[in-house]
Amino acid sequence: MKSKLRPSQHYRLTLLARGPRRYAKGDQEIPGLMKMGFVEPIGASSADGSRKWAITDAGRIALQSHTGDEAFQPTIHSSGS
């Protein structure tokens, strides 16, 4: 089943899949992604109201399901001989 992410939501999750990022208090995408359980705040807000956000496991699953890309799944490397 494909998730119904808007292109802007997909882009935001793609960025967050690379690591936590700081977004301004008035960001348009973060509140919706948080309500869907795809992102979570990290730490307290800064004096300017910005906050650091990270993708959740549910966000990674939604991103992978939206793209059909295995790149967002953990890779297990064997230490072959």
N, C-alpha and C. Protein backbone atom coordinates (compact mmCIF):
# COMPACT_ATOMS: atom_id res chain seq x y z
N MET A 1 0.84 -1.19 0.00
CA MET A 1 0.00 0.00 0.00
C MET A 1 0.88 1.25 0.00
N LYS A 2 0.64 2.12 -0.91
CA LYS A 2 1.41 3.36 -1.00
C LYS A 2 0.86 4.38 -0.02
N SER A 3 1.76 5.08 0.65
CA SER A 3 1.31 6.16 1.54
C SER A 3 1.00 7.37 0.67
N LYS A 4 0.20 8.26 1.21
CA LYS A 4 -0.20 9.45 0.44
C LYS A 4 0.55 10.67 0.96
N LEU A 5 1.82 10.74 0.65
CA LEU A 5 2.63 11.89 1.02
C LEU A 5 2.61 12.90 -0.11
N ARG A 6 2.43 14.16 0.25
CA ARG A 6 2.58 15.21 -0.73
C ARG A 6 4.07 15.31 -1.06
N PRO A 7 4.41 15.84 -2.24
CA PRO A 7 5.83 15.97 -2.60
C PRO A 7 6.64 16.73 -1.54
N SER A 8 6.06 17.75 -0.95
CA SER A 8 6.80 18.52 0.07
C SER A 8 7.03 17.69 1.34
N GLN A 9 6.08 16.82 1.68
CA GLN A 9 6.25 15.94 2.84
C GLN A 9 7.31 14.88 2.54
N HIS A 10 7.26 14.35 1.34
CA HIS A 10 8.26 13.36 0.94
C HIS A 10 9.66 13.96 1.00
N TYR A 11 9.80 15.17 0.49
CA TYR A 11 11.10 15.86 0.51
C TYR A 11 11.58 16.06 1.95
N ARG A 12 10.68 16.51 2.81
CA ARG A 12 11.06 16.75 4.21
C ARG A 12 11.50 15.46 4.89
N LEU A 13 10.78 14.37 4.68
CA LEU A 13 11.17 13.09 5.27
C LEU A 13 12.50 12.59 4.69
N THR A 14 12.73 12.84 3.42
CA THR A 14 13.99 12.45 2.80
C THR A 14 15.16 13.17 3.47
N LEU A 15 14.99 14.45 3.73
CA LEU A 15 16.04 15.21 4.43
C LEU A 15 16.26 14.68 5.84
N LEU A 16 15.17 14.43 6.55
CA LEU A 16 15.27 13.96 7.93
C LEU A 16 15.82 12.54 8.01
N ALA A 17 15.66 11.74 6.96
CA ALA A 17 16.21 10.39 6.94
C ALA A 17 17.74 10.43 6.98
N ARG A 18 18.32 11.55 6.57
CA ARG A 18 19.78 11.72 6.58
C ARG A 18 20.30 12.14 7.95
N GLY A 19 19.40 12.60 8.82
CA GLY A 19 19.78 13.01 10.17
C GLY A 19 18.87 14.13 10.66
N PRO A 20 18.84 14.34 11.98
CA PRO A 20 17.99 15.40 12.55
C PRO A 20 18.34 16.77 11.98
N ARG A 21 17.31 17.60 11.86
CA ARG A 21 17.48 18.97 11.33
C ARG A 21 16.65 19.94 12.16
N ARG A 22 17.07 21.19 12.14
CA ARG A 22 16.36 22.25 12.85
C ARG A 22 15.40 22.95 11.89
N TYR A 23 14.16 23.16 12.37
CA TYR A 23 13.15 23.86 11.57
C TYR A 23 12.54 24.99 12.40
N ALA A 24 12.16 26.05 11.71
CA ALA A 24 11.57 27.23 12.36
C ALA A 24 10.21 26.89 12.97
N LYS A 25 9.82 27.69 13.93
CA LYS A 25 8.55 27.50 14.63
C LYS A 25 7.37 27.49 13.66
N GLY A 26 7.39 28.31 12.64
CA GLY A 26 6.27 28.42 11.71
C GLY A 26 6.34 27.49 10.51
N ASP A 27 7.18 26.46 10.57
CA ASP A 27 7.30 25.54 9.44
C ASP A 27 5.94 24.95 9.09
N GLN A 28 5.66 24.81 7.79
CA GLN A 28 4.35 24.37 7.32
C GLN A 28 4.18 22.85 7.32
N GLU A 29 5.24 22.08 7.20
CA GLU A 29 5.13 20.63 7.07
C GLU A 29 5.24 19.86 8.38
N ILE A 30 6.08 20.32 9.30
CA ILE A 30 6.38 19.57 10.51
C ILE A 30 5.12 19.24 11.33
N PRO A 31 4.19 20.18 11.58
CA PRO A 31 3.02 19.82 12.39
C PRO A 31 2.21 18.65 11.82
N GLY A 32 2.02 18.63 10.52
CA GLY A 32 1.27 17.53 9.90
C GLY A 32 2.02 16.21 9.98
N LEU A 33 3.33 16.25 9.74
CA LEU A 33 4.13 15.04 9.83
C LEU A 33 4.16 14.51 11.26
N MET A 34 4.15 15.43 12.24
CA MET A 34 4.13 15.02 13.64
C MET A 34 2.79 14.35 13.98
N LYS A 35 1.69 14.90 13.49
CA LYS A 35 0.36 14.32 13.75
C LYS A 35 0.25 12.92 13.16
N MET A 36 0.94 12.68 12.04
CA MET A 36 0.93 11.36 11.41
C MET A 36 1.90 10.40 12.11
N GLY A 37 2.71 10.94 13.04
CA GLY A 37 3.67 10.10 13.74
C GLY A 37 4.96 9.87 12.99
N PHE A 38 5.24 10.69 11.97
CA PHE A 38 6.41 10.50 11.12
C PHE A 38 7.65 11.24 11.59
N VAL A 39 7.49 12.26 12.44
CA VAL A 39 8.63 13.00 12.99
C VAL A 39 8.39 13.24 14.47
N GLU A 40 9.49 13.50 15.19
CA GLU A 40 9.39 13.82 16.62
C GLU A 40 10.42 14.89 16.97
N PRO A 41 10.09 15.74 17.94
CA PRO A 41 11.04 16.78 18.33
C PRO A 41 12.17 16.19 19.16
N ILE A 42 13.31 16.84 19.06
CA ILE A 42 14.48 16.45 19.85
C ILE A 42 14.87 17.65 20.70
N GLY A 43 14.83 17.51 21.99
CA GLY A 43 15.23 18.59 22.88
C GLY A 43 14.24 19.74 22.92
N ALA A 44 14.68 20.81 23.54
CA ALA A 44 13.83 21.99 23.73
C ALA A 44 13.94 22.94 22.55
N SER A 45 12.97 23.84 22.47
CA SER A 45 12.99 24.88 21.44
C SER A 45 14.10 25.88 21.74
N SER A 46 14.65 26.46 20.68
CA SER A 46 15.64 27.52 20.83
C SER A 46 14.93 28.83 21.17
N ALA A 47 15.72 29.84 21.50
CA ALA A 47 15.16 31.16 21.83
C ALA A 47 14.35 31.74 20.67
N ASP A 48 14.73 31.41 19.43
CA ASP A 48 14.01 31.94 18.27
C ASP A 48 12.78 31.09 17.91
N GLY A 49 12.53 30.03 18.70
CA GLY A 49 11.37 29.19 18.46
C GLY A 49 11.62 27.98 17.57
N SER A 50 12.83 27.92 16.99
CA SER A 50 13.13 26.77 16.14
C SER A 50 13.37 25.54 17.01
N ARG A 51 13.28 24.38 16.38
CA ARG A 51 13.43 23.14 17.12
C ARG A 51 14.05 22.08 16.21
N LYS A 52 14.79 21.17 16.80
CA LYS A 52 15.39 20.08 16.06
C LYS A 52 14.40 18.92 15.99
N TRP A 53 14.30 18.30 14.80
CA TRP A 53 13.35 17.22 14.57
C TRP A 53 14.07 16.02 13.98
N ALA A 54 13.51 14.82 14.26
CA ALA A 54 14.06 13.57 13.73
C ALA A 54 12.92 12.74 13.14
N ILE A 55 13.25 11.93 12.17
CA ILE A 55 12.27 11.02 11.58
C ILE A 55 12.06 9.84 12.53
N THR A 56 10.86 9.33 12.59
CA THR A 56 10.54 8.16 13.42
C THR A 56 10.61 6.90 12.55
N ASP A 57 10.49 5.75 13.20
CA ASP A 57 10.44 4.49 12.44
C ASP A 57 9.24 4.51 11.49
N ALA A 58 8.11 5.02 11.97
CA ALA A 58 6.91 5.11 11.12
C ALA A 58 7.17 6.02 9.91
N GLY A 59 7.94 7.09 10.11
CA GLY A 59 8.29 7.99 9.02
C GLY A 59 9.17 7.30 8.00
N ARG A 60 10.11 6.49 8.47
CA ARG A 60 10.98 5.74 7.55
C ARG A 60 10.18 4.73 6.74
N ILE A 61 9.23 4.07 7.41
CA ILE A 61 8.39 3.09 6.71
C ILE A 61 7.54 3.79 5.65
N ALA A 62 6.95 4.93 6.02
CA ALA A 62 6.13 5.70 5.07
C ALA A 62 6.97 6.17 3.88
N LEU A 63 8.17 6.62 4.15
CA LEU A 63 9.06 7.08 3.09
C LEU A 63 9.43 5.93 2.16
N GLN A 64 9.78 4.81 2.74
CA GLN A 64 10.15 3.64 1.94
C GLN A 64 8.96 3.15 1.12
N SER A 65 7.79 3.13 1.73
CA SER A 65 6.60 2.66 1.03
C SER A 65 6.20 3.63 -0.09
N HIS A 66 6.44 4.91 0.12
CA HIS A 66 6.11 5.93 -0.88
C HIS A 66 7.03 5.83 -2.09
N THR A 67 8.31 5.59 -1.83
CA THR A 67 9.29 5.57 -2.91
C THR A 67 9.49 4.16 -3.47
N GLY A 68 9.17 3.15 -2.65
CA GLY A 68 9.46 1.78 -3.06
C GLY A 68 10.95 1.52 -3.12
N ASP A 69 11.72 2.37 -2.46
CA ASP A 69 13.17 2.33 -2.50
C ASP A 69 13.71 1.61 -1.28
N GLU A 70 14.58 0.65 -1.49
CA GLU A 70 15.18 -0.08 -0.39
C GLU A 70 16.32 0.72 0.26
N ALA A 71 16.65 1.88 -0.28
CA ALA A 71 17.78 2.67 0.22
C ALA A 71 17.57 3.14 1.65
N PHE A 72 16.33 3.19 2.10
CA PHE A 72 16.05 3.69 3.44
C PHE A 72 15.99 2.56 4.46
N GLN A 73 16.29 1.33 4.05
CA GLN A 73 16.29 0.20 4.96
C GLN A 73 17.71 -0.07 5.39
N PRO A 74 17.88 -0.54 6.63
CA PRO A 74 19.24 -0.85 7.10
C PRO A 74 19.86 -1.95 6.24
N THR A 75 21.14 -1.84 6.02
CA THR A 75 21.87 -2.83 5.25
C THR A 75 22.75 -3.64 6.20
N ILE A 76 22.72 -4.94 6.06
CA ILE A 76 23.57 -5.80 6.88
C ILE A 76 24.73 -6.25 6.00
N HIS A 77 25.93 -5.93 6.46
CA HIS A 77 27.13 -6.31 5.72
C HIS A 77 27.76 -7.51 6.40
N SER A 78 28.13 -8.50 5.62
CA SER A 78 28.82 -9.65 6.20
C SER A 78 30.31 -9.42 6.10
N SER A 79 31.03 -9.94 7.06
CA SER A 79 32.48 -9.82 7.01
C SER A 79 33.01 -11.11 6.43
N GLY A 80 32.85 -11.23 5.11
CA GLY A 80 33.25 -12.44 4.41
C GLY A 80 34.74 -12.67 4.41
N SER A 81 35.13 -13.87 4.00
CA SER A 81 36.56 -14.21 4.01
C SER A 81 37.27 -13.78 2.76
